[in-house]
Amino acid sequence: MEIKFEHIEYLYLLFSIPVIIVIMTYYIRWQKRTSAIFADDVLMKELAKSKSLRRRNIKYAITILVLCFIILGLSNPKIGSDLEEIKREGIEIVIAMDLSTSMLCEDIKPSRLKIAKESASHLIDQLDGDKIGLVAFAGDAFIQLPITSDYAAAQMFLDNMNTRTIKIQGTDYTAAIKESMKCFDFENKFNKSIIIITDGENNEYGAIESAQKAAEKGVFIHTLSIGSKKGDSIPMINPKGFKTGKYKKNHLEKTVITKPDYTFLSEFAKNGNGTSINIQDYDYTSEVPELLKEIDNIEKQEVSSMIFTKHTSRFQWFLGIAYILIMLNLIIIEKTNNKIKIKK
């Protein structure tokens, strides 16, 4: 049995649940303090006798569960129960996205990073049968999304990438290749490719050697460089991701100008048995097809695999449970049951 989500983006709403719990906790405390202002201790004790704290907590817990089930219902879980053998042709691709601060440069409007993400998104849209993975890198690197056939998930993770994703700044291509190689399953027959989307500023050593080692294992490394030849300054942003109006300066307090290193990227890709393609303006519609052509030139193997098919929508289960819980919440009252005293 396999579970997939049609609208996986709604699952992000689950992160609001802890916030709601905190709000509920503060509300209960505020309600208690407010009651104490308008009632003395004797009256408070009498009021407390008529209310059941256990029932009140149960109602709050049910409210939280209702929200969870509604969110799960909106994401529309689909359950696949039938296994079928599927034959397809394709390769495994890892997109390594440069998230260093130089990618904030606006020499290509609206910014290098924006164009980089749009180019990657356009590339994913054109794939058919290939598997895709995502790696984020700057001064360090980590796997953002393991190899998958779920293009919708890849688009969602790509959309959430930004320069705050990685705390260590720099441009470590060796780390990017190392993490990308971890994504691949070298036991299968798929050919493999790493697409590094970057502005080409190499701040670390060993990149060429890493590309050569990857190529020796049969991995093709392509580079998609983003940035104009003249370059520009790097806007500074605050922790929330908004521009401060200031620009990055060096130790001499001079504004840093970042320029893509096309020569390095060309050599880098050449040693990785790949090609280097440059995007120098906001129109990437010609460069991405060129990259796709290079990917298509990689021999695609026909590989058969067993996958779940006939995924059935199950959103109604979760919305049904939410409805039942709402009805239950309406039935439960916070007042205690008064015992009937029978006079003898």
Protein backbone atom coordinates (compact mmCIF):
# COMPACT_ATOMS: atom_id res chain seq x y z
CA MET A 1 0.00 0.00 0.00
CA GLU A 2 1.29 3.47 -0.91
CA ILE A 3 0.01 6.87 0.19
CA LYS A 4 0.43 10.00 -1.96
CA PHE A 5 -0.90 13.51 -1.38
CA GLU A 6 -2.52 15.34 -4.29
CA HIS A 7 -2.11 18.75 -2.63
CA ILE A 8 0.94 18.22 -0.45
CA GLU A 9 1.35 21.98 0.09
CA TYR A 10 -1.63 21.97 2.51
CA LEU A 11 0.38 19.81 4.93
CA TYR A 12 2.39 22.92 5.80
CA LEU A 13 -0.70 24.08 7.69
CA LEU A 14 0.07 21.38 10.27
CA PHE A 15 2.89 23.65 11.49
CA SER A 16 0.18 26.05 12.69
CA ILE A 17 -1.14 23.47 15.19
CA PRO A 18 1.54 24.15 17.87
CA VAL A 19 0.82 27.88 17.50
CA ILE A 20 -2.89 27.27 18.05
CA ILE A 21 -2.12 25.15 21.15
CA VAL A 22 -0.02 28.00 22.57
CA ILE A 23 -2.84 30.49 21.86
CA MET A 24 -5.34 28.21 23.60
CA THR A 25 -3.05 27.92 26.63
CA TYR A 26 -2.69 31.69 26.92
CA TYR A 27 -6.46 32.11 26.46
CA ILE A 28 -7.18 29.74 29.36
CA ARG A 29 -4.75 31.65 31.59
CA TRP A 30 -6.21 35.02 30.51
CA GLN A 31 -9.73 33.75 31.22
CA LYS A 32 -8.70 32.62 34.71
CA ARG A 33 -7.02 35.97 35.54
CA THR A 34 -9.99 37.96 34.24
CA SER A 35 -12.45 35.91 36.31
CA ALA A 36 -10.37 36.48 39.43
CA ILE A 37 -10.68 40.24 38.98
CA PHE A 38 -14.48 40.24 39.05
CA ALA A 39 -15.09 37.47 41.60
CA ASP A 40 -13.85 36.77 45.12
CA ASP A 41 -12.41 33.43 46.27
CA VAL A 42 -15.75 32.11 47.53
CA LEU A 43 -17.52 32.83 44.25
CA MET A 44 -14.62 31.37 42.27
CA LYS A 45 -14.88 28.13 44.20
CA GLU A 46 -18.60 27.92 43.51
CA LEU A 47 -18.06 28.59 39.83
CA ALA A 48 -15.35 25.95 39.72
CA LYS A 49 -17.76 23.35 41.10
CA SER A 50 -20.11 23.86 38.16
CA LYS A 51 -17.39 23.41 35.52
CA SER A 52 -15.46 20.31 34.54
CA LEU A 53 -11.84 21.03 33.66
CA ARG A 54 -11.51 17.53 32.22
CA ARG A 55 -14.38 18.13 29.78
CA ARG A 56 -13.01 21.53 28.82
CA ASN A 57 -9.62 19.99 28.00
CA ILE A 58 -11.32 17.23 26.02
CA LYS A 59 -13.16 19.85 23.94
CA TYR A 60 -9.91 21.69 23.22
CA ALA A 61 -8.21 18.42 22.25
CA ILE A 62 -11.10 17.57 19.91
CA THR A 63 -10.80 21.02 18.31
CA ILE A 64 -7.13 20.36 17.57
CA LEU A 65 -7.96 16.95 16.09
CA VAL A 66 -10.67 18.51 13.91
CA LEU A 67 -8.14 20.97 12.46
CA CYS A 68 -5.66 18.14 11.81
CA PHE A 69 -8.21 16.00 9.98
CA ILE A 70 -9.46 18.96 7.92
CA ILE A 71 -5.88 19.76 6.84
CA LEU A 72 -5.28 16.10 5.92
CA GLY A 73 -8.56 16.09 4.01
CA LEU A 74 -7.57 19.20 2.04
CA SER A 75 -4.29 17.53 1.05
CA ASN A 76 -6.35 14.65 -0.41
CA PRO A 77 -4.42 11.49 0.54
CA LYS A 78 -4.52 8.90 -2.24
CA ILE A 79 -3.97 5.24 -1.47
CA GLY A 80 -2.56 2.90 -4.10
CA SER A 81 -3.08 -0.81 -3.50
CA ASP A 82 -2.42 -2.44 -6.89
CA LEU A 83 1.16 -3.22 -7.86
CA GLU A 84 2.03 -3.13 -11.56
CA GLU A 85 5.25 -3.57 -13.47
CA ILE A 86 6.06 -0.34 -15.32
CA LYS A 87 8.75 -0.06 -17.99
CA ARG A 88 10.16 3.37 -18.76
CA GLU A 89 13.21 5.13 -20.10
CA GLY A 90 15.00 7.84 -18.21
CA ILE A 91 17.96 8.92 -16.11
CA GLU A 92 18.50 10.08 -12.54
CA ILE A 93 19.04 13.84 -12.22
CA VAL A 94 20.09 15.87 -9.19
CA ILE A 95 19.72 19.64 -9.34
CA ALA A 96 22.26 21.29 -7.02
CA MET A 97 21.09 24.84 -6.31
CA ASP A 98 23.58 27.52 -5.23
CA LEU A 99 22.09 29.42 -2.27
CA SER A 100 25.04 31.67 -1.46
CA THR A 101 24.32 35.35 -0.86
CA SER A 102 25.84 36.32 -4.24
CA MET A 103 22.74 34.72 -5.79
CA LEU A 104 20.78 37.71 -4.45
CA CYS A 105 22.58 39.93 -6.96
CA GLU A 106 20.14 41.77 -9.22
CA ASP A 107 22.26 42.06 -12.37
CA ILE A 108 19.51 39.83 -13.85
CA LYS A 109 16.10 41.04 -12.78
CA PRO A 110 14.49 40.27 -10.44
CA SER A 111 17.58 38.39 -9.09
CA ARG A 112 19.93 35.58 -9.93
CA LEU A 113 18.24 33.28 -7.41
CA LYS A 114 14.78 34.00 -8.79
CA ILE A 115 15.89 33.24 -12.35
CA ALA A 116 17.75 30.13 -11.13
CA LYS A 117 14.64 28.76 -9.45
CA GLU A 118 12.42 29.57 -12.43
CA SER A 119 14.90 27.85 -14.76
CA ALA A 120 14.97 24.76 -12.54
CA SER A 121 11.18 24.75 -12.36
CA HIS A 122 10.92 24.97 -16.14
CA LEU A 123 13.42 22.12 -16.44
CA ILE A 124 11.41 19.88 -14.10
CA ASP A 125 8.23 20.63 -16.06
CA GLN A 126 9.86 19.26 -19.22
CA LEU A 127 11.07 15.97 -17.71
CA ASP A 128 9.33 12.74 -18.65
CA GLY A 129 10.31 9.42 -17.11
CA ASP A 130 13.40 10.80 -15.41
CA LYS A 131 13.87 10.82 -11.64
CA ILE A 132 14.75 14.07 -9.89
CA GLY A 133 16.48 15.03 -6.65
CA LEU A 134 17.43 18.38 -5.08
CA VAL A 135 20.56 19.46 -3.23
CA ALA A 136 21.02 22.88 -1.60
CA PHE A 137 24.54 24.23 -1.22
CA ALA A 138 26.58 27.28 -0.28
CA GLY A 139 29.52 26.93 2.12
CA ASP A 140 27.99 23.56 3.01
CA ALA A 141 25.52 21.25 1.28
CA PHE A 142 22.65 18.95 2.16
CA ILE A 143 20.03 16.86 0.39
CA GLN A 144 16.80 18.84 0.09
CA LEU A 145 14.88 16.07 -1.70
CA PRO A 146 16.04 12.48 -2.35
CA ILE A 147 15.66 11.01 -5.83
CA THR A 148 11.95 10.75 -6.68
CA SER A 149 9.50 10.53 -9.56
CA ASP A 150 7.20 12.99 -7.78
CA TYR A 151 7.69 16.18 -9.78
CA ALA A 152 5.07 18.04 -7.71
CA ALA A 153 7.11 17.42 -4.54
CA ALA A 154 10.26 18.60 -6.33
CA GLN A 155 8.54 21.83 -7.35
CA MET A 156 7.35 22.44 -3.80
CA PHE A 157 10.81 21.92 -2.24
CA LEU A 158 12.40 24.06 -4.96
CA ASP A 159 9.97 26.89 -4.27
CA ASN A 160 10.99 26.97 -0.59
CA MET A 161 14.71 27.30 -1.24
CA ASN A 162 16.35 30.61 -0.29
CA THR A 163 19.68 32.00 0.87
CA ARG A 164 18.66 31.45 4.51
CA THR A 165 18.34 27.69 3.93
CA ILE A 166 22.07 27.20 4.62
CA LYS A 167 23.75 29.12 7.43
CA ILE A 168 27.36 28.55 6.30
CA GLN A 169 28.11 30.93 3.45
CA GLY A 170 30.55 30.41 0.59
CA THR A 171 30.40 28.30 -2.57
CA ASP A 172 31.59 24.74 -1.97
CA TYR A 173 31.15 22.76 -5.19
CA THR A 174 32.95 19.77 -3.70
CA ALA A 175 30.31 19.51 -0.97
CA ALA A 176 27.56 19.93 -3.59
CA ILE A 177 28.90 17.03 -5.68
CA LYS A 178 29.44 14.86 -2.59
CA GLU A 179 25.83 15.29 -1.41
CA SER A 180 24.48 14.85 -4.94
CA MET A 181 26.35 11.55 -5.31
CA LYS A 182 24.66 10.31 -2.12
CA CYS A 183 21.29 10.68 -3.87
CA PHE A 184 22.11 8.15 -6.59
CA ASP A 185 21.48 4.43 -6.45
CA PHE A 186 24.51 3.01 -8.26
CA GLU A 187 22.99 -0.47 -8.13
CA ASN A 188 20.39 0.36 -10.80
CA LYS A 189 20.85 0.77 -14.56
CA PHE A 190 19.91 4.45 -14.77
CA ASN A 191 22.51 6.87 -16.11
CA LYS A 192 23.06 9.80 -13.80
CA SER A 193 23.55 13.55 -14.11
CA ILE A 194 24.18 16.46 -11.75
CA ILE A 195 23.00 19.90 -12.84
CA ILE A 196 24.68 22.64 -10.83
CA ILE A 197 22.83 25.96 -11.02
CA THR A 198 25.14 28.73 -9.78
CA ASP A 199 26.72 32.08 -10.50
CA GLY A 200 30.13 30.45 -10.73
CA GLU A 201 31.95 32.10 -7.84
CA ASN A 202 34.27 29.35 -6.64
CA ASN A 203 35.39 30.04 -3.08
CA GLU A 204 36.60 26.52 -2.28
CA TYR A 205 39.34 24.27 -3.67
CA GLY A 206 39.00 20.77 -5.10
CA ALA A 207 35.96 21.36 -7.31
CA ILE A 208 37.63 20.21 -10.54
CA GLU A 209 38.97 17.05 -8.88
CA SER A 210 35.51 16.27 -7.46
CA ALA A 211 33.98 16.62 -10.94
CA GLN A 212 36.60 14.24 -12.35
CA LYS A 213 35.90 11.62 -9.68
CA ALA A 214 32.16 11.83 -10.33
CA ALA A 215 32.76 11.46 -14.07
CA GLU A 216 34.86 8.33 -13.42
CA LYS A 217 31.76 6.80 -11.86
CA GLY A 218 29.74 7.61 -14.97
CA VAL A 219 28.01 10.74 -13.68
CA PHE A 220 27.56 13.65 -16.11
CA ILE A 221 27.96 17.12 -14.58
CA HIS A 222 26.32 20.08 -16.31
CA THR A 223 26.45 23.68 -15.11
CA LEU A 224 23.84 26.38 -15.62
CA SER A 225 25.42 29.71 -14.74
CA ILE A 226 23.31 32.72 -13.79
CA GLY A 227 24.57 36.30 -14.05
CA SER A 228 25.67 39.03 -16.46
CA LYS A 229 29.30 39.65 -17.42
CA LYS A 230 29.39 43.08 -15.78
CA GLY A 231 28.04 41.75 -12.47
CA ASP A 232 26.60 43.90 -9.70
CA SER A 233 26.50 44.45 -5.93
CA ILE A 234 24.92 42.06 -3.41
CA PRO A 235 21.87 43.35 -1.47
CA MET A 236 21.88 42.61 2.26
CA ILE A 237 18.79 41.03 3.78
CA ASN A 238 17.52 40.73 7.35
CA PRO A 239 16.68 37.42 9.09
CA LYS A 240 13.13 37.61 7.69
CA GLY A 241 14.38 37.78 4.12
CA PHE A 242 13.68 41.46 3.42
CA LYS A 243 16.24 43.80 1.84
CA THR A 244 17.82 46.29 4.25
CA GLY A 245 18.82 48.81 1.59
CA LYS A 246 22.50 48.13 2.27
CA TYR A 247 25.01 46.17 0.17
CA LYS A 248 27.69 43.68 1.06
CA LYS A 249 31.12 45.21 1.72
CA ASN A 250 34.60 43.74 2.05
CA HIS A 251 37.08 44.26 4.89
CA LEU A 252 38.05 47.61 3.36
CA GLU A 253 34.42 48.75 3.52
CA LYS A 254 34.17 48.75 -0.28
CA THR A 255 31.05 47.44 -1.98
CA VAL A 256 31.55 43.89 -3.26
CA ILE A 257 30.86 43.35 -6.97
CA THR A 258 30.03 39.77 -7.91
CA LYS A 259 30.66 38.44 -11.41
CA PRO A 260 30.03 34.93 -12.75
CA ASP A 261 33.16 32.93 -13.55
CA TYR A 262 32.33 31.42 -16.96
CA THR A 263 35.89 30.13 -17.48
CA PHE A 264 35.85 28.10 -14.28
CA LEU A 265 32.37 26.68 -14.94
CA SER A 266 33.33 25.65 -18.46
CA GLU A 267 36.37 23.76 -17.16
CA PHE A 268 34.33 22.38 -14.28
CA ALA A 269 31.66 20.93 -16.59
CA LYS A 270 34.26 19.69 -19.11
CA ASN A 271 35.97 17.64 -16.40
CA GLY A 272 32.56 16.27 -15.46
CA ASN A 273 31.86 15.05 -19.02
CA GLY A 274 29.14 17.69 -19.28
CA THR A 275 28.52 21.11 -20.72
CA SER A 276 28.29 24.65 -19.36
CA ILE A 277 25.38 26.88 -20.33
CA ASN A 278 25.15 30.57 -19.41
CA ILE A 279 22.04 32.65 -18.66
CA GLN A 280 22.94 36.34 -18.91
CA ASP A 281 19.49 37.95 -18.90
CA TYR A 282 15.99 37.34 -17.58
CA ASP A 283 14.97 35.31 -20.65
CA TYR A 284 16.02 31.71 -19.97
CA THR A 285 13.62 30.10 -22.46
CA SER A 286 16.41 29.34 -24.95
CA GLU A 287 19.09 28.14 -22.50
CA VAL A 288 16.92 25.61 -20.64
CA PRO A 289 15.93 23.74 -23.86
CA GLU A 290 19.63 23.65 -24.72
CA LEU A 291 20.31 22.00 -21.37
CA LEU A 292 17.43 19.57 -21.95
CA LYS A 293 18.99 18.64 -25.28
CA GLU A 294 22.23 17.78 -23.49
CA ILE A 295 20.30 15.64 -21.02
CA ASP A 296 18.50 13.87 -23.85
CA ASN A 297 21.88 13.02 -25.35
CA ILE A 298 22.60 10.88 -22.30
CA GLU A 299 21.62 7.31 -23.08
CA LYS A 300 18.39 6.44 -21.35
CA GLN A 301 17.99 2.91 -20.08
CA GLU A 302 14.70 1.04 -20.04
CA VAL A 303 14.15 -0.04 -16.48
CA SER A 304 11.19 -2.00 -15.18
CA SER A 305 9.95 -1.37 -11.66
CA MET A 306 6.98 -2.34 -9.55
CA ILE A 307 4.90 0.68 -8.59
CA PHE A 308 1.52 1.23 -6.98
CA THR A 309 -1.23 2.26 -9.37
CA LYS A 310 -4.94 3.13 -9.17
CA HIS A 311 -4.55 5.62 -6.37
CA THR A 312 -7.96 6.30 -4.83
CA SER A 313 -8.79 9.62 -3.16
CA ARG A 314 -9.51 9.26 0.55
CA PHE A 315 -10.13 12.90 1.53
CA GLN A 316 -13.72 12.01 2.45
CA TRP A 317 -12.52 9.75 5.27
CA PHE A 318 -10.68 12.57 6.99
CA LEU A 319 -13.41 15.15 6.43
CA GLY A 320 -15.96 12.60 7.68
CA ILE A 321 -13.99 12.04 10.89
CA ALA A 322 -13.66 15.82 11.30
CA TYR A 323 -17.46 16.18 10.96
CA ILE A 324 -18.09 13.47 13.60
CA LEU A 325 -15.64 15.15 15.98
CA ILE A 326 -17.36 18.53 15.46
CA MET A 327 -20.72 16.95 16.38
CA LEU A 328 -19.12 15.29 19.42
CA ASN A 329 -17.65 18.62 20.49
CA LEU A 330 -21.09 20.23 20.34
CA ILE A 331 -22.59 17.48 22.50
CA ILE A 332 -19.99 17.70 25.25
CA ILE A 333 -20.71 20.49 27.72
CA GLU A 334 -18.22 21.91 30.18
CA LYS A 335 -20.67 21.88 33.10
CA THR A 336 -20.56 19.03 35.61
CA ASN A 337 -23.49 16.70 36.01
CA ASN A 338 -25.41 17.59 39.16
CA LYS A 339 -26.26 14.53 41.18
CA ILE A 340 -29.95 14.15 41.97
CA LYS A 341 -30.53 13.82 45.68
CA ILE A 342 -33.50 11.69 46.67
CA LYS A 343 -35.12 12.64 49.94
CA LYS A 344 -36.01 9.72 52.17
